Amino acid sequence: MLRKSGGFGERARGRLRALLRERSGGSALQFAILAPMFFVVVFATMETVASFAAEQVLVNANDTIARKIRMGEITFNTGQPTDVKDEAAFRAKFCEELNIMMTCSLQEIDIPSRLFLDVRSAPSFADLPANTVPRTGDPKTGPLDPTKLKFSPGGKSAINIVRAYYRWPVILDFMRPYLANLQAPDGSLSDYLLVATAVIQNEAY
C-alpha cells in the first residue's frame, strides 16, 4: 500500500512539475495581445486589395464597352441590330461586363444607385469635358452629382468619351477614414468611388 501511495505521490508531483513547466498560458496571452493587430492588418489588406481589384474590373469593363462602341458592335439610332434602344439597355450591357465582382439588379439598371455612366460625343478632342469627377460640395469627397452626367453617344466617326463611376462600399469601419472618398447623404464617408475613363473615335462603320 505504501508503494502504491508513493507511486501516486510521484505521479502527482510529476504532474505538478509538468504544469509549472507548461508555457501555453504565456503563449495564449501573447496571442491574445498580438492577434487583434494581426487581424487588423489582414483585414485591412483584404479590404484594400478588394477595392483595387474592383476598380480594375470597372476599368476593363469600361474599355470593353468603349471598344465595342468604336468598332460598331454597339450602335445608337442606326436601324441596325447592334442598336441599343435606350440608356437602360446600354447599362444592362455594361453590367454584363461587371459580373465578375459586381452585380446589377433590375432596379440598378433602371435607377442608378451604385453604377453611374457618362457617355457623350464631342466635335473634337479639344472639346471633350475635363476629366474631373462631378461632385457636389467638397471636390475631393463630395457626393457624386448625377445631374452632370449625360447619355448622348455619337455614331460613326464620332469622338466619344465613356466614363464609369461605381460606389464601392467600404465594409470595415476603421478603414473608411483612409479608403473612402465619397460622402453618404448623411455626410459620412462610406464608399470608395471607382472611376474609369476611355476616349475613342468611332470607326466609319
N, C-alpha and C. Protein backbone atom coordinates (compact mmCIF):
# COMPACT_ATOMS: atom_id res chain seq x y z
N MET A 1 0.83 -1.21 0.00
CA MET A 1 0.00 0.00 0.00
C MET A 1 0.86 1.25 0.00
N LEU A 2 2.02 1.15 0.78
CA LEU A 2 2.87 2.33 0.83
C LEU A 2 3.50 2.61 -0.52
N ARG A 3 3.85 1.50 -1.21
CA ARG A 3 4.44 1.71 -2.53
C ARG A 3 3.44 2.34 -3.47
N LYS A 4 2.17 1.92 -3.33
CA LYS A 4 1.14 2.50 -4.18
C LYS A 4 0.95 3.96 -3.87
N SER A 5 0.96 4.26 -2.53
CA SER A 5 0.81 5.66 -2.15
C SER A 5 1.96 6.49 -2.68
N GLY A 6 3.20 5.91 -2.54
CA GLY A 6 4.35 6.63 -3.06
C GLY A 6 4.26 6.82 -4.55
N GLY A 7 3.75 5.77 -5.25
CA GLY A 7 3.61 5.90 -6.70
C GLY A 7 2.64 7.00 -7.07
N PHE A 8 1.55 7.10 -6.34
CA PHE A 8 0.58 8.16 -6.61
C PHE A 8 1.18 9.53 -6.35
N GLY A 9 1.97 9.60 -5.24
CA GLY A 9 2.61 10.88 -4.92
C GLY A 9 3.59 11.30 -5.99
N GLU A 10 4.35 10.34 -6.50
CA GLU A 10 5.30 10.65 -7.56
C GLU A 10 4.58 11.14 -8.81
N ARG A 11 3.49 10.46 -9.12
CA ARG A 11 2.73 10.89 -10.30
C ARG A 11 2.17 12.29 -10.11
N ALA A 12 1.69 12.58 -8.90
CA ALA A 12 1.13 13.91 -8.62
C ALA A 12 2.20 14.98 -8.73
N ARG A 13 3.38 14.69 -8.14
CA ARG A 13 4.46 15.67 -8.22
C ARG A 13 4.92 15.86 -9.67
N GLY A 14 4.91 14.75 -10.42
CA GLY A 14 5.29 14.86 -11.84
C GLY A 14 4.32 15.74 -12.61
N ARG A 15 3.04 15.57 -12.33
CA ARG A 15 2.05 16.40 -13.00
C ARG A 15 2.19 17.87 -12.60
N LEU A 16 2.50 18.10 -11.31
CA LEU A 16 2.68 19.48 -10.85
C LEU A 16 3.87 20.12 -11.54
N ARG A 17 4.99 19.36 -11.62
CA ARG A 17 6.17 19.91 -12.30
C ARG A 17 5.87 20.19 -13.77
N ALA A 18 5.12 19.29 -14.39
CA ALA A 18 4.76 19.50 -15.80
C ALA A 18 3.89 20.74 -15.96
N LEU A 19 2.99 20.94 -14.99
CA LEU A 19 2.12 22.11 -15.04
C LEU A 19 2.91 23.39 -14.89
N LEU A 20 3.92 23.35 -13.97
CA LEU A 20 4.75 24.53 -13.76
C LEU A 20 5.61 24.84 -14.98
N ARG A 21 6.01 23.77 -15.69
CA ARG A 21 6.81 23.99 -16.90
C ARG A 21 5.96 24.39 -18.10
N GLU A 22 4.66 24.21 -18.05
CA GLU A 22 3.77 24.48 -19.18
C GLU A 22 3.78 25.97 -19.51
N ARG A 23 4.03 26.30 -20.77
CA ARG A 23 4.12 27.68 -21.22
C ARG A 23 2.96 28.08 -22.12
N SER A 24 1.99 27.20 -22.28
CA SER A 24 0.88 27.52 -23.19
C SER A 24 0.07 28.71 -22.70
N GLY A 25 0.05 28.92 -21.39
CA GLY A 25 -0.66 30.09 -20.88
C GLY A 25 -0.01 31.37 -21.34
N GLY A 26 1.34 31.40 -21.29
CA GLY A 26 2.05 32.58 -21.79
C GLY A 26 1.85 32.76 -23.29
N SER A 27 1.85 31.65 -24.01
CA SER A 27 1.63 31.72 -25.46
C SER A 27 0.23 32.24 -25.76
N ALA A 28 -0.73 31.77 -24.97
CA ALA A 28 -2.10 32.24 -25.18
C ALA A 28 -2.21 33.74 -24.90
N LEU A 29 -1.50 34.20 -23.87
CA LEU A 29 -1.52 35.63 -23.55
C LEU A 29 -0.88 36.44 -24.66
N GLN A 30 0.26 35.95 -25.17
CA GLN A 30 0.92 36.65 -26.28
C GLN A 30 0.01 36.70 -27.50
N PHE A 31 -0.65 35.58 -27.78
CA PHE A 31 -1.56 35.54 -28.92
C PHE A 31 -2.71 36.52 -28.73
N ALA A 32 -3.23 36.58 -27.50
CA ALA A 32 -4.34 37.50 -27.22
C ALA A 32 -3.93 38.95 -27.43
N ILE A 33 -2.66 39.26 -27.16
CA ILE A 33 -2.17 40.63 -27.33
C ILE A 33 -1.92 40.94 -28.81
N LEU A 34 -1.32 39.99 -29.51
CA LEU A 34 -0.90 40.24 -30.89
C LEU A 34 -1.99 39.96 -31.92
N ALA A 35 -2.92 39.07 -31.61
CA ALA A 35 -3.93 38.67 -32.60
C ALA A 35 -4.75 39.83 -33.13
N PRO A 36 -5.25 40.74 -32.26
CA PRO A 36 -6.03 41.85 -32.82
C PRO A 36 -5.27 42.67 -33.85
N MET A 37 -3.99 42.97 -33.56
CA MET A 37 -3.20 43.75 -34.52
C MET A 37 -2.97 42.96 -35.80
N PHE A 38 -2.75 41.66 -35.65
CA PHE A 38 -2.55 40.81 -36.82
C PHE A 38 -3.79 40.80 -37.70
N PHE A 39 -4.96 40.62 -37.08
CA PHE A 39 -6.19 40.56 -37.86
C PHE A 39 -6.53 41.92 -38.47
N VAL A 40 -6.19 43.00 -37.78
CA VAL A 40 -6.40 44.33 -38.36
C VAL A 40 -5.61 44.47 -39.65
N VAL A 41 -4.35 44.05 -39.62
CA VAL A 41 -3.51 44.13 -40.83
C VAL A 41 -4.07 43.23 -41.93
N VAL A 42 -4.48 42.02 -41.57
CA VAL A 42 -5.00 41.08 -42.57
C VAL A 42 -6.28 41.63 -43.21
N PHE A 43 -7.23 42.07 -42.38
CA PHE A 43 -8.50 42.55 -42.92
C PHE A 43 -8.32 43.85 -43.70
N ALA A 44 -7.43 44.72 -43.23
CA ALA A 44 -7.17 45.96 -43.96
C ALA A 44 -6.58 45.66 -45.33
N THR A 45 -5.68 44.69 -45.38
CA THR A 45 -5.10 44.29 -46.66
C THR A 45 -6.16 43.72 -47.59
N MET A 46 -7.03 42.87 -47.05
CA MET A 46 -8.09 42.28 -47.86
C MET A 46 -9.04 43.35 -48.39
N GLU A 47 -9.39 44.31 -47.54
CA GLU A 47 -10.28 45.40 -47.96
C GLU A 47 -9.65 46.22 -49.08
N THR A 48 -8.37 46.55 -48.92
CA THR A 48 -7.68 47.36 -49.92
C THR A 48 -7.54 46.61 -51.24
N VAL A 49 -7.16 45.34 -51.16
CA VAL A 49 -7.00 44.54 -52.38
C VAL A 49 -8.33 44.39 -53.10
N ALA A 50 -9.41 44.16 -52.35
CA ALA A 50 -10.73 44.02 -52.98
C ALA A 50 -11.14 45.31 -53.69
N SER A 51 -10.85 46.45 -53.08
CA SER A 51 -11.20 47.74 -53.70
C SER A 51 -10.44 47.96 -55.00
N PHE A 52 -9.14 47.68 -54.97
CA PHE A 52 -8.34 47.88 -56.18
C PHE A 52 -8.69 46.86 -57.26
N ALA A 53 -9.03 45.64 -56.85
CA ALA A 53 -9.46 44.63 -57.83
C ALA A 53 -10.78 45.05 -58.48
N ALA A 54 -11.69 45.58 -57.67
CA ALA A 54 -12.97 46.06 -58.22
C ALA A 54 -12.75 47.20 -59.20
N GLU A 55 -11.80 48.09 -58.88
CA GLU A 55 -11.52 49.20 -59.80
C GLU A 55 -10.96 48.68 -61.13
N GLN A 56 -10.14 47.65 -61.07
CA GLN A 56 -9.60 47.08 -62.31
C GLN A 56 -10.70 46.43 -63.13
N VAL A 57 -11.65 45.78 -62.45
CA VAL A 57 -12.80 45.20 -63.15
C VAL A 57 -13.60 46.29 -63.85
N LEU A 58 -13.80 47.41 -63.16
CA LEU A 58 -14.54 48.53 -63.76
C LEU A 58 -13.79 49.09 -64.97
N VAL A 59 -12.48 49.26 -64.84
CA VAL A 59 -11.68 49.78 -65.96
C VAL A 59 -11.76 48.84 -67.15
N ASN A 60 -11.63 47.55 -66.91
CA ASN A 60 -11.71 46.58 -68.00
C ASN A 60 -13.08 46.61 -68.67
N ALA A 61 -14.14 46.70 -67.87
CA ALA A 61 -15.49 46.76 -68.42
C ALA A 61 -15.67 48.02 -69.26
N ASN A 62 -15.18 49.14 -68.75
CA ASN A 62 -15.31 50.40 -69.47
C ASN A 62 -14.55 50.35 -70.80
N ASP A 63 -13.34 49.79 -70.77
CA ASP A 63 -12.55 49.67 -72.00
C ASP A 63 -13.23 48.75 -73.01
N THR A 64 -13.82 47.66 -72.52
CA THR A 64 -14.50 46.72 -73.42
C THR A 64 -15.70 47.37 -74.09
N ILE A 65 -16.51 48.08 -73.30
CA ILE A 65 -17.68 48.75 -73.86
C ILE A 65 -17.25 49.84 -74.84
N ALA A 66 -16.22 50.60 -74.48
CA ALA A 66 -15.73 51.66 -75.38
C ALA A 66 -15.25 51.06 -76.70
N ARG A 67 -14.56 49.94 -76.63
CA ARG A 67 -14.09 49.29 -77.86
C ARG A 67 -15.26 48.84 -78.72
N LYS A 68 -16.31 48.30 -78.09
CA LYS A 68 -17.48 47.87 -78.85
C LYS A 68 -18.18 49.04 -79.52
N ILE A 69 -18.21 50.19 -78.84
CA ILE A 69 -18.79 51.38 -79.46
C ILE A 69 -17.93 51.82 -80.64
N ARG A 70 -16.64 51.83 -80.44
CA ARG A 70 -15.72 52.28 -81.50
C ARG A 70 -15.81 51.39 -82.74
N MET A 71 -15.95 50.08 -82.53
CA MET A 71 -15.97 49.14 -83.64
C MET A 71 -17.35 48.94 -84.24
N GLY A 72 -18.37 49.57 -83.66
CA GLY A 72 -19.72 49.42 -84.19
C GLY A 72 -20.46 48.19 -83.70
N GLU A 73 -19.91 47.51 -82.67
CA GLU A 73 -20.62 46.37 -82.09
C GLU A 73 -21.78 46.84 -81.22
N ILE A 74 -21.68 48.06 -80.73
CA ILE A 74 -22.78 48.73 -80.03
C ILE A 74 -23.02 50.04 -80.77
N THR A 75 -24.23 50.22 -81.26
CA THR A 75 -24.56 51.43 -82.03
C THR A 75 -25.82 52.09 -81.46
N PHE A 76 -26.08 53.28 -81.95
CA PHE A 76 -27.20 54.07 -81.45
C PHE A 76 -27.94 54.72 -82.63
N ASN A 77 -29.21 54.42 -82.73
CA ASN A 77 -30.08 55.07 -83.73
C ASN A 77 -29.59 54.89 -85.17
N THR A 78 -29.14 53.70 -85.49
CA THR A 78 -28.70 53.44 -86.87
C THR A 78 -29.66 52.51 -87.61
N GLY A 79 -30.61 51.95 -86.89
CA GLY A 79 -31.51 51.00 -87.51
C GLY A 79 -30.91 49.62 -87.69
N GLN A 80 -29.75 49.39 -87.09
CA GLN A 80 -29.07 48.11 -87.21
C GLN A 80 -29.37 47.22 -85.99
N PRO A 81 -29.18 45.91 -86.13
CA PRO A 81 -29.40 45.02 -84.99
C PRO A 81 -28.49 45.32 -83.79
N THR A 82 -27.40 46.03 -84.04
CA THR A 82 -26.46 46.35 -82.96
C THR A 82 -26.92 47.55 -82.12
N ASP A 83 -28.03 48.18 -82.51
CA ASP A 83 -28.52 49.35 -81.77
C ASP A 83 -28.94 48.97 -80.35
N VAL A 84 -28.64 49.83 -79.40
CA VAL A 84 -29.26 49.74 -78.07
C VAL A 84 -30.34 50.82 -78.03
N LYS A 85 -31.50 50.44 -77.57
CA LYS A 85 -32.65 51.33 -77.72
C LYS A 85 -32.64 52.52 -76.78
N ASP A 86 -32.03 52.37 -75.60
CA ASP A 86 -32.04 53.47 -74.64
C ASP A 86 -30.90 53.30 -73.64
N GLU A 87 -30.84 54.22 -72.70
CA GLU A 87 -29.75 54.18 -71.71
C GLU A 87 -29.83 52.94 -70.84
N ALA A 88 -31.05 52.52 -70.48
CA ALA A 88 -31.19 51.33 -69.63
C ALA A 88 -30.63 50.09 -70.33
N ALA A 89 -30.87 49.97 -71.63
CA ALA A 89 -30.34 48.82 -72.38
C ALA A 89 -28.81 48.89 -72.43
N PHE A 90 -28.28 50.09 -72.56
CA PHE A 90 -26.83 50.26 -72.55
C PHE A 90 -26.25 49.89 -71.19
N ARG A 91 -26.92 50.32 -70.13
CA ARG A 91 -26.46 50.00 -68.78
C ARG A 91 -26.48 48.48 -68.55
N ALA A 92 -27.48 47.81 -69.11
CA ALA A 92 -27.55 46.36 -68.97
C ALA A 92 -26.35 45.69 -69.63
N LYS A 93 -25.95 46.19 -70.80
CA LYS A 93 -24.76 45.64 -71.46
C LYS A 93 -23.50 45.92 -70.63
N PHE A 94 -23.44 47.09 -70.05
CA PHE A 94 -22.28 47.42 -69.21
C PHE A 94 -22.24 46.49 -68.00
N CYS A 95 -23.39 46.25 -67.40
CA CYS A 95 -23.44 45.40 -66.21
C CYS A 95 -22.97 43.98 -66.51
N GLU A 96 -23.21 43.51 -67.74
CA GLU A 96 -22.76 42.17 -68.11
C GLU A 96 -21.24 42.04 -67.99
N GLU A 97 -20.54 43.15 -68.16
CA GLU A 97 -19.08 43.13 -68.08
C GLU A 97 -18.57 43.20 -66.64
N LEU A 98 -19.46 43.45 -65.71
CA LEU A 98 -19.06 43.63 -64.31
C LEU A 98 -19.33 42.41 -63.44
N ASN A 99 -19.95 41.38 -64.02
CA ASN A 99 -20.47 40.31 -63.17
C ASN A 99 -19.40 39.46 -62.50
N ILE A 100 -18.12 39.75 -62.75
CA ILE A 100 -17.07 39.02 -62.03
C ILE A 100 -17.08 39.38 -60.54
N MET A 101 -17.25 40.68 -60.25
CA MET A 101 -17.22 41.13 -58.85
C MET A 101 -18.45 41.91 -58.44
N MET A 102 -19.20 42.42 -59.40
CA MET A 102 -20.34 43.28 -59.09
C MET A 102 -21.57 42.77 -59.82
N THR A 103 -22.71 43.00 -59.24
CA THR A 103 -23.96 42.63 -59.89
C THR A 103 -24.87 43.85 -59.95
N CYS A 104 -25.63 43.90 -61.02
CA CYS A 104 -26.59 45.00 -61.18
C CYS A 104 -27.99 44.41 -61.16
N SER A 105 -28.80 44.83 -60.22
CA SER A 105 -30.18 44.39 -60.18
C SER A 105 -30.97 45.11 -61.26
N LEU A 106 -32.19 44.66 -61.50
CA LEU A 106 -33.05 45.34 -62.46
C LEU A 106 -33.32 46.77 -62.02
N GLN A 107 -33.45 46.97 -60.73
CA GLN A 107 -33.65 48.33 -60.22
C GLN A 107 -32.42 49.19 -60.47
N GLU A 108 -31.23 48.60 -60.32
CA GLU A 108 -29.99 49.35 -60.56
C GLU A 108 -29.87 49.74 -62.02
N ILE A 109 -30.33 48.88 -62.92
CA ILE A 109 -30.27 49.20 -64.34
C ILE A 109 -31.17 50.38 -64.67
N ASP A 110 -32.34 50.42 -64.07
CA ASP A 110 -33.29 51.50 -64.36
C ASP A 110 -33.00 52.77 -63.56
N ILE A 111 -32.65 52.59 -62.29
CA ILE A 111 -32.41 53.75 -61.41
C ILE A 111 -31.03 53.58 -60.78
N PRO A 112 -30.02 54.29 -61.26
CA PRO A 112 -28.66 54.10 -60.74
C PRO A 112 -28.56 54.44 -59.26
N SER A 113 -27.90 53.57 -58.53
CA SER A 113 -27.59 53.85 -57.13
C SER A 113 -26.12 53.56 -56.83
N ARG A 114 -25.54 52.62 -57.58
CA ARG A 114 -24.12 52.29 -57.42
C ARG A 114 -23.32 52.61 -58.68
N LEU A 115 -23.85 52.20 -59.83
CA LEU A 115 -23.15 52.39 -61.10
C LEU A 115 -23.71 53.60 -61.83
N PHE A 116 -22.81 54.52 -62.19
CA PHE A 116 -23.20 55.73 -62.92
C PHE A 116 -22.35 55.83 -64.19
N LEU A 117 -23.00 56.12 -65.32
CA LEU A 117 -22.31 56.18 -66.60
C LEU A 117 -22.47 57.55 -67.23
N ASP A 118 -21.43 57.98 -67.90
CA ASP A 118 -21.43 59.26 -68.61
C ASP A 118 -20.86 59.00 -70.00
N VAL A 119 -21.73 59.03 -71.01
CA VAL A 119 -21.32 58.73 -72.38
C VAL A 119 -21.77 59.89 -73.25
N ARG A 120 -20.84 60.55 -73.89
CA ARG A 120 -21.19 61.70 -74.72
C ARG A 120 -20.18 61.87 -75.85
N SER A 121 -20.61 62.58 -76.88
CA SER A 121 -19.73 62.84 -78.02
C SER A 121 -19.29 64.30 -77.99
N ALA A 122 -18.26 64.59 -78.78
CA ALA A 122 -17.73 65.95 -78.88
C ALA A 122 -17.27 66.18 -80.32
N PRO A 123 -17.36 67.42 -80.80
CA PRO A 123 -16.94 67.69 -82.18
C PRO A 123 -15.44 67.51 -82.40
N SER A 124 -14.64 67.64 -81.34
CA SER A 124 -13.19 67.45 -81.46
C SER A 124 -12.65 67.01 -80.11
N PHE A 125 -11.42 66.53 -80.11
CA PHE A 125 -10.81 66.10 -78.85
C PHE A 125 -10.63 67.29 -77.90
N ALA A 126 -10.42 68.47 -78.46
CA ALA A 126 -10.25 69.65 -77.62
C ALA A 126 -11.54 70.03 -76.91
N ASP A 127 -12.67 69.59 -77.45
CA ASP A 127 -13.97 69.94 -76.86
C ASP A 127 -14.45 68.92 -75.83
N LEU A 128 -13.67 67.89 -75.58
CA LEU A 128 -14.07 66.90 -74.58
C LEU A 128 -14.11 67.54 -73.20
N PRO A 129 -15.04 67.11 -72.35
CA PRO A 129 -15.10 67.69 -70.99
C PRO A 129 -13.87 67.32 -70.17
N ALA A 130 -13.59 68.15 -69.19
CA ALA A 130 -12.44 67.89 -68.31
C ALA A 130 -12.62 66.56 -67.59
N ASN A 131 -11.53 65.88 -67.39
CA ASN A 131 -11.57 64.57 -66.75
C ASN A 131 -11.56 64.74 -65.23
N THR A 132 -12.62 65.34 -64.73
CA THR A 132 -12.78 65.53 -63.28
C THR A 132 -14.07 64.84 -62.84
N VAL A 133 -14.09 64.42 -61.60
CA VAL A 133 -15.27 63.75 -61.07
C VAL A 133 -16.33 64.80 -60.74
N PRO A 134 -17.53 64.68 -61.30
CA PRO A 134 -18.58 65.65 -60.99
C PRO A 134 -19.14 65.43 -59.58
N ARG A 135 -18.83 66.33 -58.70
CA ARG A 135 -19.27 66.21 -57.31
C ARG A 135 -20.04 67.46 -56.90
N THR A 136 -20.74 67.33 -55.81
CA THR A 136 -21.35 68.48 -55.16
C THR A 136 -20.61 68.71 -53.84
N GLY A 137 -20.41 69.97 -53.48
CA GLY A 137 -19.71 70.25 -52.23
C GLY A 137 -18.22 70.07 -52.37
N ASP A 138 -17.64 69.33 -51.45
CA ASP A 138 -16.20 69.12 -51.42
C ASP A 138 -15.73 68.45 -52.72
N PRO A 139 -14.77 69.05 -53.44
CA PRO A 139 -14.32 68.46 -54.71
C PRO A 139 -13.56 67.16 -54.56
N LYS A 140 -13.15 66.82 -53.33
CA LYS A 140 -12.40 65.59 -53.11
C LYS A 140 -13.25 64.46 -52.55
N THR A 141 -14.24 64.80 -51.74
CA THR A 141 -15.03 63.75 -51.08
C THR A 141 -16.53 63.96 -51.23
N GLY A 142 -16.95 65.03 -51.91
CA GLY A 142 -18.37 65.32 -52.03
C GLY A 142 -19.13 64.24 -52.78
N PRO A 143 -20.45 64.16 -52.59
CA PRO A 143 -21.26 63.16 -53.29
C PRO A 143 -21.20 63.36 -54.81
N LEU A 144 -21.33 62.27 -55.53
CA LEU A 144 -21.37 62.34 -56.99
C LEU A 144 -22.62 63.10 -57.42
N ASP A 145 -22.47 63.95 -58.43
CA ASP A 145 -23.59 64.75 -58.93
C ASP A 145 -24.10 64.13 -60.24
N PRO A 146 -25.15 63.30 -60.18
CA PRO A 146 -25.63 62.64 -61.40
C PRO A 146 -26.25 63.58 -62.41
N THR A 147 -26.60 64.80 -61.99
CA THR A 147 -27.19 65.74 -62.95
C THR A 147 -26.17 66.21 -63.98
N LYS A 148 -24.90 66.02 -63.71
CA LYS A 148 -23.85 66.44 -64.65
C LYS A 148 -23.42 65.30 -65.58
N LEU A 149 -24.08 64.17 -65.48
CA LEU A 149 -23.78 63.04 -66.35
C LEU A 149 -24.76 63.03 -67.52
N LYS A 150 -24.28 62.60 -68.68
CA LYS A 150 -25.12 62.58 -69.88
C LYS A 150 -25.05 61.22 -70.56
N PHE A 151 -26.06 61.01 -71.39
CA PHE A 151 -26.04 59.84 -72.27
C PHE A 151 -26.40 60.34 -73.66
N SER A 152 -25.38 60.75 -74.40
CA SER A 152 -25.59 61.27 -75.76
C SER A 152 -24.43 60.82 -76.65
N PRO A 153 -24.32 59.51 -76.88
CA PRO A 153 -23.20 58.99 -77.68
C PRO A 153 -23.34 59.35 -79.15
N GLY A 154 -22.20 59.47 -79.80
CA GLY A 154 -22.19 59.75 -81.23
C GLY A 154 -22.10 58.48 -82.06
N GLY A 155 -22.34 58.62 -83.36
CA GLY A 155 -22.33 57.48 -84.27
C GLY A 155 -20.99 57.28 -84.95
N LYS A 156 -21.03 56.90 -86.22
CA LYS A 156 -19.79 56.56 -86.93
C LYS A 156 -18.88 57.77 -87.05
N SER A 157 -17.62 57.53 -86.86
CA SER A 157 -16.53 58.52 -86.92
C SER A 157 -16.61 59.57 -85.81
N ALA A 158 -17.55 59.42 -84.90
CA ALA A 158 -17.71 60.41 -83.83
C ALA A 158 -16.66 60.20 -82.74
N ILE A 159 -16.33 61.29 -82.09
CA ILE A 159 -15.44 61.24 -80.92
C ILE A 159 -16.31 61.10 -79.68
N ASN A 160 -16.04 60.09 -78.90
CA ASN A 160 -16.84 59.82 -77.70
C ASN A 160 -15.95 59.69 -76.48
N ILE A 161 -16.51 60.05 -75.36
CA ILE A 161 -15.87 59.78 -74.07
C ILE A 161 -16.83 58.89 -73.28
N VAL A 162 -16.29 57.84 -72.72
CA VAL A 162 -17.08 56.88 -71.94
C VAL A 162 -16.50 56.86 -70.53
N ARG A 163 -17.31 57.27 -69.57
CA ARG A 163 -16.84 57.30 -68.18
C ARG A 163 -17.79 56.49 -67.30
N ALA A 164 -17.20 55.78 -66.37
CA ALA A 164 -17.99 54.97 -65.44
C ALA A 164 -17.56 55.27 -64.01
N TYR A 165 -18.56 55.35 -63.15
CA TYR A 165 -18.32 55.58 -61.72
C TYR A 165 -19.07 54.50 -60.95
N TYR A 166 -18.42 53.96 -59.95
CA TYR A 166 -19.07 52.94 -59.13
C TYR A 166 -18.80 53.21 -57.66
N ARG A 167 -19.87 53.23 -56.89
CA ARG A 167 -19.76 53.44 -55.44
C ARG A 167 -19.50 52.09 -54.78
N TRP A 168 -18.22 51.84 -54.49
CA TRP A 168 -17.81 50.58 -53.88
C TRP A 168 -17.89 50.72 -52.36
N PRO A 169 -18.67 49.89 -51.68
CA PRO A 169 -18.81 50.04 -50.23
C PRO A 169 -17.56 49.61 -49.48
N VAL A 170 -17.14 50.42 -48.53
CA VAL A 170 -16.03 50.07 -47.63
C VAL A 170 -16.64 49.40 -46.41
N ILE A 171 -16.35 48.13 -46.22
CA ILE A 171 -17.01 47.34 -45.19
C ILE A 171 -16.47 47.64 -43.79
N LEU A 172 -15.15 47.71 -43.66
CA LEU A 172 -14.54 47.86 -42.33
C LEU A 172 -14.60 49.32 -41.87
N ASP A 173 -15.17 49.54 -40.71
CA ASP A 173 -15.32 50.89 -40.19
C ASP A 173 -13.97 51.59 -40.04
N PHE A 174 -12.96 50.88 -39.54
CA PHE A 174 -11.68 51.55 -39.27
C PHE A 174 -10.92 51.88 -40.55
N MET A 175 -11.36 51.33 -41.70
CA MET A 175 -10.71 51.63 -42.97
C MET A 175 -11.34 52.82 -43.69
N ARG A 176 -12.54 53.19 -43.29
CA ARG A 176 -13.25 54.25 -44.02
C ARG A 176 -12.51 55.59 -44.02
N PRO A 177 -11.93 56.02 -42.90
CA PRO A 177 -11.21 57.30 -42.95
C PRO A 177 -10.02 57.30 -43.90
N TYR A 178 -9.49 56.12 -44.22
CA TYR A 178 -8.29 56.03 -45.05
C TYR A 178 -8.60 55.67 -46.50
N LEU A 179 -9.72 54.98 -46.73
CA LEU A 179 -10.01 54.48 -48.07
C LEU A 179 -11.21 55.16 -48.71
N ALA A 180 -12.23 55.44 -47.94
CA ALA A 180 -13.46 56.02 -48.50
C ALA A 180 -13.20 57.45 -48.99
N ASN A 181 -13.76 57.78 -50.14
CA ASN A 181 -13.60 59.12 -50.71
C ASN A 181 -14.91 59.67 -51.26
N LEU A 182 -16.02 59.13 -50.77
CA LEU A 182 -17.32 59.55 -51.26
C LEU A 182 -18.29 59.65 -50.09
N GLN A 183 -18.87 60.82 -49.93
CA GLN A 183 -19.78 61.04 -48.81
C GLN A 183 -21.14 60.39 -49.05
N ALA A 184 -21.71 59.87 -47.98
CA ALA A 184 -23.08 59.39 -47.98
C ALA A 184 -24.01 60.59 -47.80
N PRO A 185 -25.32 60.40 -48.00
CA PRO A 185 -26.26 61.51 -47.80
C PRO A 185 -26.17 62.16 -46.43
N ASP A 186 -25.77 61.39 -45.40
CA ASP A 186 -25.66 61.96 -44.06
C ASP A 186 -24.33 62.66 -43.82
N GLY A 187 -23.48 62.72 -44.85
CA GLY A 187 -22.20 63.40 -44.73
C GLY A 187 -21.04 62.53 -44.32
N SER A 188 -21.30 61.28 -43.94
CA SER A 188 -20.22 60.39 -43.52
C SER A 188 -19.54 59.78 -44.74
N LEU A 189 -18.27 59.43 -44.58
CA LEU A 189 -17.54 58.75 -45.65
C LEU A 189 -17.83 57.26 -45.56
N SER A 190 -18.43 56.71 -46.61
CA SER A 190 -18.85 55.32 -46.55
C SER A 190 -18.41 54.49 -47.75
N ASP A 191 -18.13 55.14 -48.88
CA ASP A 191 -17.83 54.41 -50.11
C ASP A 191 -16.52 54.88 -50.72
N TYR A 192 -15.96 53.99 -51.52
CA TYR A 192 -14.78 54.33 -52.32
C TYR A 192 -15.24 54.46 -53.77
N LEU A 193 -15.05 55.63 -54.35
CA LEU A 193 -15.53 55.87 -55.71
C LEU A 193 -14.54 55.32 -56.73
N LEU A 194 -14.98 54.32 -57.47
CA LEU A 194 -14.17 53.76 -58.55
C LEU A 194 -14.45 54.56 -59.82
N VAL A 195 -13.42 54.86 -60.58
CA VAL A 195 -13.56 55.70 -61.77
C VAL A 195 -12.82 55.05 -62.94
N ALA A 196 -13.45 55.07 -64.11
CA ALA A 196 -12.81 54.58 -65.34
C ALA A 196 -13.19 55.50 -66.48
N THR A 197 -12.23 55.80 -67.35
CA THR A 197 -12.45 56.73 -68.47
C THR A 197 -11.81 56.18 -69.73
N ALA A 198 -12.51 56.33 -70.85
CA ALA A 198 -11.95 55.96 -72.15
C ALA A 198 -12.41 56.99 -73.18
N VAL A 199 -11.48 57.44 -74.00
CA VAL A 199 -11.78 58.37 -75.09
C VAL A 199 -11.53 57.64 -76.40
N ILE A 200 -12.50 57.69 -77.30
CA ILE A 200 -12.41 56.92 -78.55
C ILE A 200 -12.88 57.76 -79.72
N GLN A 201 -12.48 57.36 -80.90
CA GLN A 201 -13.07 57.88 -82.13
C GLN A 201 -13.61 56.68 -82.90
N ASN A 202 -14.90 56.70 -83.15
CA ASN A 202 -15.54 55.56 -83.79
C ASN A 202 -15.01 55.33 -85.21
N GLU A 203 -15.04 54.07 -85.58
CA GLU A 203 -14.72 53.72 -86.96
C GLU A 203 -15.86 54.19 -87.87
N ALA A 204 -15.55 54.30 -89.15
CA ALA A 204 -16.59 54.70 -90.12
C ALA A 204 -17.35 53.46 -90.57
N TYR A 205 -18.04 52.85 -89.62
CA TYR A 205 -18.74 51.59 -89.92
C TYR A 205 -20.03 51.86 -90.71
